[in-house]
Structures are given as C-alpha cells and as structure tokens.
Amino acid sequence: MNEFLDTLSQIRDFFNSFWFPAAVAFVGIVFFVVMFVKANRTVDKHRKEVRQKIVNDAYAEHIRQKYPARHKDDQEETTPSQKKS
C-alpha cells in the first residue's frame, strides 16, 4: 500500500512542479506547429490552383479578343430586331 501511496505522491508532486506545465506547453507548441504546417501546405496548394485558373481565364479571354470567332451558340442567339427581318 505504501508503494501505491508513494506513486500517488510522486504523481501529485509532478503535477504541482514546474515540469508538468512546461511539458504541456511544449506539446501544445509542437501540435500548433504541425497543424500550422499542414494547413499552410493545403492553402498553398489551393492558392496555386486559383492562380493558375486566373491565368488560364485571362489568357483565354485574350485569345478570344485577339481572334474573334463565331461559335454555333453565338449564331443561334438573335436579338428581337434580327428575328423581325
């Protein structure tokens, strides 16, 4: 029984000492750094995709303006004034 009480006393002393809060703070900092790095990688991946989409859309718009072409959809769309004539 004395061994059990000694163990409980050591656990209580550990929780009341400097080392327990220091260990909790260290684990918290490591957890934060790991989660921050993972989130940063995900954001960078999405940022790269969005930037590429912006560039692709801008290039497509530039090509459409430089080389105008009528598509089948454009030919089917008529204004009311065009329908009368």
PDB file of N, CA and C in Angstrom:
ATOM      1  N   MET A   1       0.822  -1.195   0.000  1.00  0.00           N
ATOM      2  CA  MET A   1       0.000   0.000   0.000  1.00  0.00           C
ATOM      3  C   MET A   1       0.862   1.254   0.000  1.00  0.00           C
ATOM      4  N   ASN A   2       2.006   1.157   0.707  1.00  0.00           N
ATOM      5  CA  ASN A   2       2.903   2.302   0.767  1.00  0.00           C
ATOM      6  C   ASN A   2       3.465   2.645  -0.610  1.00  0.00           C
ATOM      7  N   GLU A   3       3.727   1.614  -1.433  1.00  0.00           N
ATOM      8  CA  GLU A   3       4.235   1.864  -2.783  1.00  0.00           C
ATOM      9  C   GLU A   3       3.193   2.629  -3.604  1.00  0.00           C
ATOM     10  N   PHE A   4       1.932   2.257  -3.456  1.00  0.00           N
ATOM     11  CA  PHE A   4       0.857   2.934  -4.181  1.00  0.00           C
ATOM     12  C   PHE A   4       0.753   4.392  -3.743  1.00  0.00           C
ATOM     13  N   LEU A   5       0.819   4.628  -2.433  1.00  0.00           N
ATOM     14  CA  LEU A   5       0.767   5.987  -1.919  1.00  0.00           C
ATOM     15  C   LEU A   5       1.991   6.796  -2.342  1.00  0.00           C
ATOM     16  N   ASP A   6       3.150   6.141  -2.391  1.00  0.00           N
ATOM     17  CA  ASP A   6       4.350   6.831  -2.866  1.00  0.00           C
ATOM     18  C   ASP A   6       4.202   7.220  -4.344  1.00  0.00           C
ATOM     19  N   THR A   7       3.640   6.321  -5.118  1.00  0.00           N
ATOM     20  CA  THR A   7       3.423   6.612  -6.533  1.00  0.00           C
ATOM     21  C   THR A   7       2.459   7.778  -6.685  1.00  0.00           C
ATOM     22  N   LEU A   8       1.363   7.765  -5.925  1.00  0.00           N
ATOM     23  CA  LEU A   8       0.409   8.880  -5.986  1.00  0.00           C
ATOM     24  C   LEU A   8       1.064  10.182  -5.539  1.00  0.00           C
ATOM     25  N   SER A   9       1.905  10.105  -4.561  1.00  0.00           N
ATOM     26  CA  SER A   9       2.603  11.293  -4.088  1.00  0.00           C
ATOM     27  C   SER A   9       3.544  11.833  -5.160  1.00  0.00           C
ATOM     28  N   GLN A  10       4.225  10.942  -5.856  1.00  0.00           N
ATOM     29  CA  GLN A  10       5.115  11.384  -6.929  1.00  0.00           C
ATOM     30  C   GLN A  10       4.320  12.013  -8.078  1.00  0.00           C
ATOM     31  N   ILE A  11       3.187  11.423  -8.404  1.00  0.00           N
ATOM     32  CA  ILE A  11       2.331  11.984  -9.469  1.00  0.00           C
ATOM     33  C   ILE A  11       1.844  13.374  -9.062  1.00  0.00           C
ATOM     34  N   ARG A  12       1.402  13.509  -7.812  1.00  0.00           N
ATOM     35  CA  ARG A  12       0.933  14.801  -7.332  1.00  0.00           C
ATOM     36  C   ARG A  12       2.053  15.830  -7.332  1.00  0.00           C
ATOM     37  N   ASP A  13       3.235  15.418  -6.944  1.00  0.00           N
ATOM     38  CA  ASP A  13       4.381  16.326  -6.958  1.00  0.00           C
ATOM     39  C   ASP A  13       4.730  16.745  -8.388  1.00  0.00           C
ATOM     40  N   PHE A  14       4.596  15.805  -9.329  1.00  0.00           N
ATOM     41  CA  PHE A  14       4.884  16.135 -10.725  1.00  0.00           C
ATOM     42  C   PHE A  14       3.899  17.169 -11.252  1.00  0.00           C
ATOM     43  N   PHE A  15       2.612  16.982 -10.934  1.00  0.00           N
ATOM     44  CA  PHE A  15       1.606  17.937 -11.402  1.00  0.00           C
ATOM     45  C   PHE A  15       1.786  19.316 -10.758  1.00  0.00           C
ATOM     46  N   ASN A  16       2.298  19.353  -9.567  1.00  0.00           N
ATOM     47  CA  ASN A  16       2.499  20.619  -8.872  1.00  0.00           C
ATOM     48  C   ASN A  16       3.861  21.237  -9.164  1.00  0.00           C
ATOM     49  N   SER A  17       4.682  20.546  -9.907  1.00  0.00           N
ATOM     50  CA  SER A  17       6.026  21.064 -10.182  1.00  0.00           C
ATOM     51  C   SER A  17       6.031  21.919 -11.446  1.00  0.00           C
ATOM     52  N   PHE A  18       7.207  22.373 -11.796  1.00  0.00           N
ATOM     53  CA  PHE A  18       7.409  23.183 -12.989  1.00  0.00           C
ATOM     54  C   PHE A  18       7.303  22.337 -14.258  1.00  0.00           C
ATOM     55  N   TRP A  19       7.632  21.058 -14.186  1.00  0.00           N
ATOM     56  CA  TRP A  19       7.765  20.229 -15.378  1.00  0.00           C
ATOM     57  C   TRP A  19       6.443  19.920 -16.057  1.00  0.00           C
ATOM     58  N   PHE A  20       5.376  19.787 -15.312  1.00  0.00           N
ATOM     59  CA  PHE A  20       4.088  19.469 -15.949  1.00  0.00           C
ATOM     60  C   PHE A  20       3.602  20.622 -16.840  1.00  0.00           C
ATOM     61  N   PRO A  21       3.540  21.854 -16.343  1.00  0.00           N
ATOM     62  CA  PRO A  21       3.133  22.939 -17.244  1.00  0.00           C
ATOM     63  C   PRO A  21       4.102  23.121 -18.407  1.00  0.00           C
ATOM     64  N   ALA A  22       5.392  22.900 -18.157  1.00  0.00           N
ATOM     65  CA  ALA A  22       6.369  23.018 -19.236  1.00  0.00           C
ATOM     66  C   ALA A  22       6.137  21.944 -20.296  1.00  0.00           C
ATOM     67  N   ALA A  23       5.837  20.731 -19.866  1.00  0.00           N
ATOM     68  CA  ALA A  23       5.572  19.643 -20.814  1.00  0.00           C
ATOM     69  C   ALA A  23       4.295  19.917 -21.611  1.00  0.00           C
ATOM     70  N   VAL A  24       3.257  20.408 -20.944  1.00  0.00           N
ATOM     71  CA  VAL A  24       2.005  20.728 -21.632  1.00  0.00           C
ATOM     72  C   VAL A  24       2.236  21.848 -22.650  1.00  0.00           C
ATOM     73  N   ALA A  25       3.000  22.855 -22.264  1.00  0.00           N
ATOM     74  CA  ALA A  25       3.300  23.954 -23.186  1.00  0.00           C
ATOM     75  C   ALA A  25       4.102  23.450 -24.379  1.00  0.00           C
ATOM     76  N   PHE A  26       5.084  22.595 -24.143  1.00  0.00           N
ATOM     77  CA  PHE A  26       5.892  22.057 -25.234  1.00  0.00           C
ATOM     78  C   PHE A  26       5.045  21.233 -26.198  1.00  0.00           C
ATOM     79  N   VAL A  27       4.201  20.363 -25.659  1.00  0.00           N
ATOM     80  CA  VAL A  27       3.318  19.554 -26.510  1.00  0.00           C
ATOM     81  C   VAL A  27       2.366  20.457 -27.287  1.00  0.00           C
ATOM     82  N   GLY A  28       1.838  21.489 -26.667  1.00  0.00           N
ATOM     83  CA  GLY A  28       0.948  22.422 -27.349  1.00  0.00           C
ATOM     84  C   GLY A  28       1.635  23.160 -28.481  1.00  0.00           C
ATOM     85  N   ILE A  29       2.876  23.584 -28.248  1.00  0.00           N
ATOM     86  CA  ILE A  29       3.627  24.288 -29.288  1.00  0.00           C
ATOM     87  C   ILE A  29       3.927  23.355 -30.454  1.00  0.00           C
ATOM     88  N   VAL A  30       4.344  22.131 -30.160  1.00  0.00           N
ATOM     89  CA  VAL A  30       4.620  21.163 -31.226  1.00  0.00           C
ATOM     90  C   VAL A  30       3.345  20.873 -32.015  1.00  0.00           C
ATOM     91  N   PHE A  31       2.223  20.687 -31.332  1.00  0.00           N
ATOM     92  CA  PHE A  31       0.947  20.430 -32.009  1.00  0.00           C
ATOM     93  C   PHE A  31       0.574  21.610 -32.903  1.00  0.00           C
ATOM     94  N   PHE A  32       0.745  22.829 -32.400  1.00  0.00           N
ATOM     95  CA  PHE A  32       0.422  24.023 -33.190  1.00  0.00           C
ATOM     96  C   PHE A  32       1.281  24.094 -34.442  1.00  0.00           C
ATOM     97  N   VAL A  33       2.584  23.842 -34.300  1.00  0.00           N
ATOM     98  CA  VAL A  33       3.491  23.916 -35.443  1.00  0.00           C
ATOM     99  C   VAL A  33       3.108  22.869 -36.494  1.00  0.00           C
ATOM    100  N   VAL A  34       2.822  21.661 -36.062  1.00  0.00           N
ATOM    101  CA  VAL A  34       2.442  20.603 -37.009  1.00  0.00           C
ATOM    102  C   VAL A  34       1.158  20.975 -37.738  1.00  0.00           C
ATOM    103  N   MET A  35       0.146  21.431 -37.017  1.00  0.00           N
ATOM    104  CA  MET A  35      -1.126  21.805 -37.652  1.00  0.00           C
ATOM    105  C   MET A  35      -0.952  23.022 -38.564  1.00  0.00           C
ATOM    106  N   PHE A  36      -0.118  23.974 -38.176  1.00  0.00           N
ATOM    107  CA  PHE A  36       0.127  25.164 -38.986  1.00  0.00           C
ATOM    108  C   PHE A  36       0.791  24.793 -40.308  1.00  0.00           C
ATOM    109  N   VAL A  37       1.776  23.907 -40.248  1.00  0.00           N
ATOM    110  CA  VAL A  37       2.472  23.492 -41.466  1.00  0.00           C
ATOM    111  C   VAL A  37       1.522  22.746 -42.392  1.00  0.00           C
ATOM    112  N   LYS A  38       0.702  21.856 -41.848  1.00  0.00           N
ATOM    113  CA  LYS A  38      -0.252  21.111 -42.677  1.00  0.00           C
ATOM    114  C   LYS A  38      -1.264  22.054 -43.320  1.00  0.00           C
ATOM    115  N   ALA A  39      -1.780  22.998 -42.559  1.00  0.00           N
ATOM    116  CA  ALA A  39      -2.751  23.950 -43.101  1.00  0.00           C
ATOM    117  C   ALA A  39      -2.105  24.842 -44.145  1.00  0.00           C
ATOM    118  N   ASN A  40      -0.862  25.237 -43.921  1.00  0.00           N
ATOM    119  CA  ASN A  40      -0.149  26.077 -44.882  1.00  0.00           C
ATOM    120  C   ASN A  40       0.047  25.347 -46.204  1.00  0.00           C
ATOM    121  N   ARG A  41       0.373  24.059 -46.158  1.00  0.00           N
ATOM    122  CA  ARG A  41       0.521  23.275 -47.390  1.00  0.00           C
ATOM    123  C   ARG A  41      -0.792  23.216 -48.151  1.00  0.00           C
ATOM    124  N   THR A  42      -1.884  23.002 -47.441  1.00  0.00           N
ATOM    125  CA  THR A  42      -3.196  22.939 -48.096  1.00  0.00           C
ATOM    126  C   THR A  42      -3.550  24.276 -48.728  1.00  0.00           C
ATOM    127  N   VAL A  43      -3.323  25.356 -48.014  1.00  0.00           N
ATOM    128  CA  VAL A  43      -3.630  26.692 -48.542  1.00  0.00           C
ATOM    129  C   VAL A  43      -2.759  27.003 -49.747  1.00  0.00           C
ATOM    130  N   ASP A  44      -1.476  26.642 -49.685  1.00  0.00           N
ATOM    131  CA  ASP A  44      -0.589  26.888 -50.816  1.00  0.00           C
ATOM    132  C   ASP A  44      -1.044  26.117 -52.052  1.00  0.00           C
ATOM    133  N   LYS A  45      -1.504  24.893 -51.842  1.00  0.00           N
ATOM    134  CA  LYS A  45      -1.999  24.085 -52.968  1.00  0.00           C
ATOM    135  C   LYS A  45      -3.208  24.760 -53.605  1.00  0.00           C
ATOM    136  N   HIS A  46      -4.157  25.191 -52.786  1.00  0.00           N
ATOM    137  CA  HIS A  46      -5.348  25.856 -53.318  1.00  0.00           C
ATOM    138  C   HIS A  46      -4.995  27.195 -53.949  1.00  0.00           C
ATOM    139  N   ARG A  47      -4.057  27.920 -53.347  1.00  0.00           N
ATOM    140  CA  ARG A  47      -3.632  29.202 -53.899  1.00  0.00           C
ATOM    141  C   ARG A  47      -3.023  29.006 -55.280  1.00  0.00           C
ATOM    142  N   LYS A  48      -2.214  27.964 -55.434  1.00  0.00           N
ATOM    143  CA  LYS A  48      -1.589  27.683 -56.724  1.00  0.00           C
ATOM    144  C   LYS A  48      -2.660  27.353 -57.768  1.00  0.00           C
ATOM    145  N   GLU A  49      -3.666  26.567 -57.386  1.00  0.00           N
ATOM    146  CA  GLU A  49      -4.750  26.222 -58.315  1.00  0.00           C
ATOM    147  C   GLU A  49      -5.526  27.465 -58.731  1.00  0.00           C
ATOM    148  N   VAL A  50      -5.820  28.340 -57.788  1.00  0.00           N
ATOM    149  CA  VAL A  50      -6.591  29.549 -58.093  1.00  0.00           C
ATOM    150  C   VAL A  50      -5.783  30.481 -58.991  1.00  0.00           C
ATOM    151  N   ARG A  51      -4.503  30.635 -58.707  1.00  0.00           N
ATOM    152  CA  ARG A  51      -3.667  31.485 -59.555  1.00  0.00           C
ATOM    153  C   ARG A  51      -3.609  30.944 -60.980  1.00  0.00           C
ATOM    154  N   GLN A  52      -3.480  29.617 -61.115  1.00  0.00           N
ATOM    155  CA  GLN A  52      -3.423  29.025 -62.441  1.00  0.00           C
ATOM    156  C   GLN A  52      -4.744  29.230 -63.173  1.00  0.00           C
ATOM    157  N   LYS A  53      -5.857  29.122 -62.455  1.00  0.00           N
ATOM    158  CA  LYS A  53      -7.163  29.349 -63.081  1.00  0.00           C
ATOM    159  C   LYS A  53      -7.298  30.791 -63.545  1.00  0.00           C
ATOM    160  N   ILE A  54      -6.829  31.740 -62.755  1.00  0.00           N
ATOM    161  CA  ILE A  54      -6.883  33.152 -63.139  1.00  0.00           C
ATOM    162  C   ILE A  54      -6.061  33.387 -64.397  1.00  0.00           C
ATOM    163  N   VAL A  55      -4.861  32.813 -64.438  1.00  0.00           N
ATOM    164  CA  VAL A  55      -4.000  32.979 -65.613  1.00  0.00           C
ATOM    165  C   VAL A  55      -4.649  32.335 -66.831  1.00  0.00           C
ATOM    166  N   ASN A  56      -5.189  31.142 -66.672  1.00  0.00           N
ATOM    167  CA  ASN A  56      -5.825  30.461 -67.796  1.00  0.00           C
ATOM    168  C   ASN A  56      -7.021  31.258 -68.320  1.00  0.00           C
ATOM    169  N   ASP A  57      -7.844  31.770 -67.419  1.00  0.00           N
ATOM    170  CA  ASP A  57      -9.014  32.552 -67.838  1.00  0.00           C
ATOM    171  C   ASP A  57      -8.590  33.838 -68.541  1.00  0.00           C
ATOM    172  N   ALA A  58      -7.564  34.492 -68.013  1.00  0.00           N
ATOM    173  CA  ALA A  58      -7.095  35.735 -68.636  1.00  0.00           C
ATOM    174  C   ALA A  58      -6.516  35.450 -70.023  1.00  0.00           C
ATOM    175  N   TYR A  59      -5.775  34.371 -70.153  1.00  0.00           N
ATOM    176  CA  TYR A  59      -5.205  34.020 -71.452  1.00  0.00           C
ATOM    177  C   TYR A  59      -6.315  33.657 -72.443  1.00  0.00           C
ATOM    178  N   ALA A  60      -7.305  32.921 -71.982  1.00  0.00           N
ATOM    179  CA  ALA A  60      -8.418  32.555 -72.864  1.00  0.00           C
ATOM    180  C   ALA A  60      -9.166  33.804 -73.320  1.00  0.00           C
ATOM    181  N   GLU A  61      -9.367  34.750 -72.436  1.00  0.00           N
ATOM    182  CA  GLU A  61     -10.046  35.989 -72.805  1.00  0.00           C
ATOM    183  C   GLU A  61      -9.207  36.779 -73.807  1.00  0.00           C
ATOM    184  N   HIS A  62      -7.902  36.803 -73.602  1.00  0.00           N
ATOM    185  CA  HIS A  62      -7.003  37.497 -74.531  1.00  0.00           C
ATOM    186  C   HIS A  62      -7.089  36.865 -75.921  1.00  0.00           C
ATOM    187  N   ILE A  63      -7.089  35.549 -75.980  1.00  0.00           N
ATOM    188  CA  ILE A  63      -7.172  34.854 -77.272  1.00  0.00           C
ATOM    189  C   ILE A  63      -8.524  35.113 -77.923  1.00  0.00           C
ATOM    190  N   ARG A  64      -9.592  35.117 -77.138  1.00  0.00           N
ATOM    191  CA  ARG A  64     -10.923  35.396 -77.698  1.00  0.00           C
ATOM    192  C   ARG A  64     -10.980  36.794 -78.297  1.00  0.00           C
ATOM    193  N   GLN A  65     -10.345  37.748 -77.637  1.00  0.00           N
ATOM    194  CA  GLN A  65     -10.344  39.112 -78.167  1.00  0.00           C
ATOM    195  C   GLN A  65      -9.436  39.241 -79.380  1.00  0.00           C
ATOM    196  N   LYS A  66      -8.324  38.548 -79.378  1.00  0.00           N
ATOM    197  CA  LYS A  66      -7.372  38.647 -80.477  1.00  0.00           C
ATOM    198  C   LYS A  66      -7.883  37.939 -81.730  1.00  0.00           C
ATOM    199  N   TYR A  67      -8.507  36.788 -81.562  1.00  0.00           N
ATOM    200  CA  TYR A  67      -9.014  36.000 -82.680  1.00  0.00           C
ATOM    201  C   TYR A  67     -10.501  35.746 -82.484  1.00  0.00           C
ATOM    202  N   PRO A  68     -11.336  36.735 -82.783  1.00  0.00           N
ATOM    203  CA  PRO A  68     -12.776  36.526 -82.575  1.00  0.00           C
ATOM    204  C   PRO A  68     -13.301  35.455 -83.531  1.00  0.00           C
ATOM    205  N   ALA A  69     -14.124  34.626 -83.013  1.00  0.00           N
ATOM    206  CA  ALA A  69     -14.723  33.567 -83.819  1.00  0.00           C
ATOM    207  C   ALA A  69     -16.163  33.402 -83.381  1.00  0.00           C
ATOM    208  N   ARG A  70     -16.984  33.123 -84.333  1.00  0.00           N
ATOM    209  CA  ARG A  70     -18.392  32.880 -84.003  1.00  0.00           C
ATOM    210  C   ARG A  70     -18.582  31.401 -83.756  1.00  0.00           C
ATOM    211  N   HIS A  71     -19.170  31.118 -82.649  1.00  0.00           N
ATOM    212  CA  HIS A  71     -19.447  29.737 -82.295  1.00  0.00           C
ATOM    213  C   HIS A  71     -20.881  29.421 -82.678  1.00  0.00           C
ATOM    214  N   LYS A  72     -21.210  28.164 -82.695  1.00  0.00           N
ATOM    215  CA  LYS A  72     -22.559  27.733 -83.036  1.00  0.00           C
ATOM    216  C   LYS A  72     -23.574  28.368 -82.082  1.00  0.00           C
ATOM    217  N   ASP A  73     -23.217  28.461 -80.795  1.00  0.00           N
ATOM    218  CA  ASP A  73     -24.122  29.065 -79.819  1.00  0.00           C
ATOM    219  C   ASP A  73     -24.361  30.541 -80.146  1.00  0.00           C
ATOM    220  N   ASP A  74     -23.322  31.239 -80.603  1.00  0.00           N
ATOM    221  CA  ASP A  74     -23.462  32.654 -80.937  1.00  0.00           C
ATOM    222  C   ASP A  74     -24.404  32.841 -82.123  1.00  0.00           C
ATOM    223  N   GLN A  75     -24.389  31.945 -83.073  1.00  0.00           N
ATOM    224  CA  GLN A  75     -25.222  32.064 -84.262  1.00  0.00           C
ATOM    225  C   GLN A  75     -26.693  31.833 -83.934  1.00  0.00           C
ATOM    226  N   GLU A  76     -26.948  30.987 -82.949  1.00  0.00           N
ATOM    227  CA  GLU A  76     -28.335  30.699 -82.587  1.00  0.00           C
ATOM    228  C   GLU A  76     -28.963  31.841 -81.811  1.00  0.00           C
ATOM    229  N   GLU A  77     -28.155  32.594 -81.090  1.00  0.00           N
ATOM    230  CA  GLU A  77     -28.689  33.709 -80.320  1.00  0.00           C
ATOM    231  C   GLU A  77     -28.956  34.892 -81.251  1.00  0.00           C
ATOM    232  N   THR A  78     -30.190  35.355 -81.281  1.00  0.00           N
ATOM    233  CA  THR A  78     -30.528  36.518 -82.096  1.00  0.00           C
ATOM    234  C   THR A  78     -31.314  37.469 -81.238  1.00  0.00           C
ATOM    235  N   THR A  79     -31.230  38.732 -81.594  1.00  0.00           N
ATOM    236  CA  THR A  79     -31.996  39.750 -80.877  1.00  0.00           C
ATOM    237  C   THR A  79     -33.373  39.825 -81.491  1.00  0.00           C
ATOM    238  N   PRO A  80     -34.325  40.416 -80.786  1.00  0.00           N
ATOM    239  CA  PRO A  80     -35.675  40.532 -81.335  1.00  0.00           C
ATOM    240  C   PRO A  80     -35.694  41.317 -82.659  1.00  0.00           C
ATOM    241  N   SER A  81     -34.834  42.297 -82.823  1.00  0.00           N
ATOM    242  CA  SER A  81     -34.828  43.042 -84.072  1.00  0.00           C
ATOM    243  C   SER A  81     -34.327  42.185 -85.237  1.00  0.00           C
ATOM    244  N   GLN A  82     -33.436  41.232 -84.955  1.00  0.00           N
ATOM    245  CA  GLN A  82     -32.952  40.351 -86.005  1.00  0.00           C
ATOM    246  C   GLN A  82     -34.013  39.331 -86.403  1.00  0.00           C
ATOM    247  N   LYS A  83     -34.880  38.955 -85.472  1.00  0.00           N
ATOM    248  CA  LYS A  83     -35.938  37.985 -85.785  1.00  0.00           C
ATOM    249  C   LYS A  83     -36.977  38.598 -86.725  1.00  0.00           C
ATOM    250  N   LYS A  84     -37.240  39.910 -86.650  1.00  0.00           N
ATOM    251  CA  LYS A  84     -38.248  40.546 -87.464  1.00  0.00           C
ATOM    252  C   LYS A  84     -37.817  40.617 -88.930  1.00  0.00           C
ATOM    253  N   SER A  85     -36.532  40.754 -89.191  1.00  0.00           N
ATOM    254  CA  SER A  85     -36.105  40.926 -90.570  1.00  0.00           C
ATOM    255  C   SER A  85     -35.822  39.643 -91.283  1.00  0.00           C
TER     256      SER A  85
END
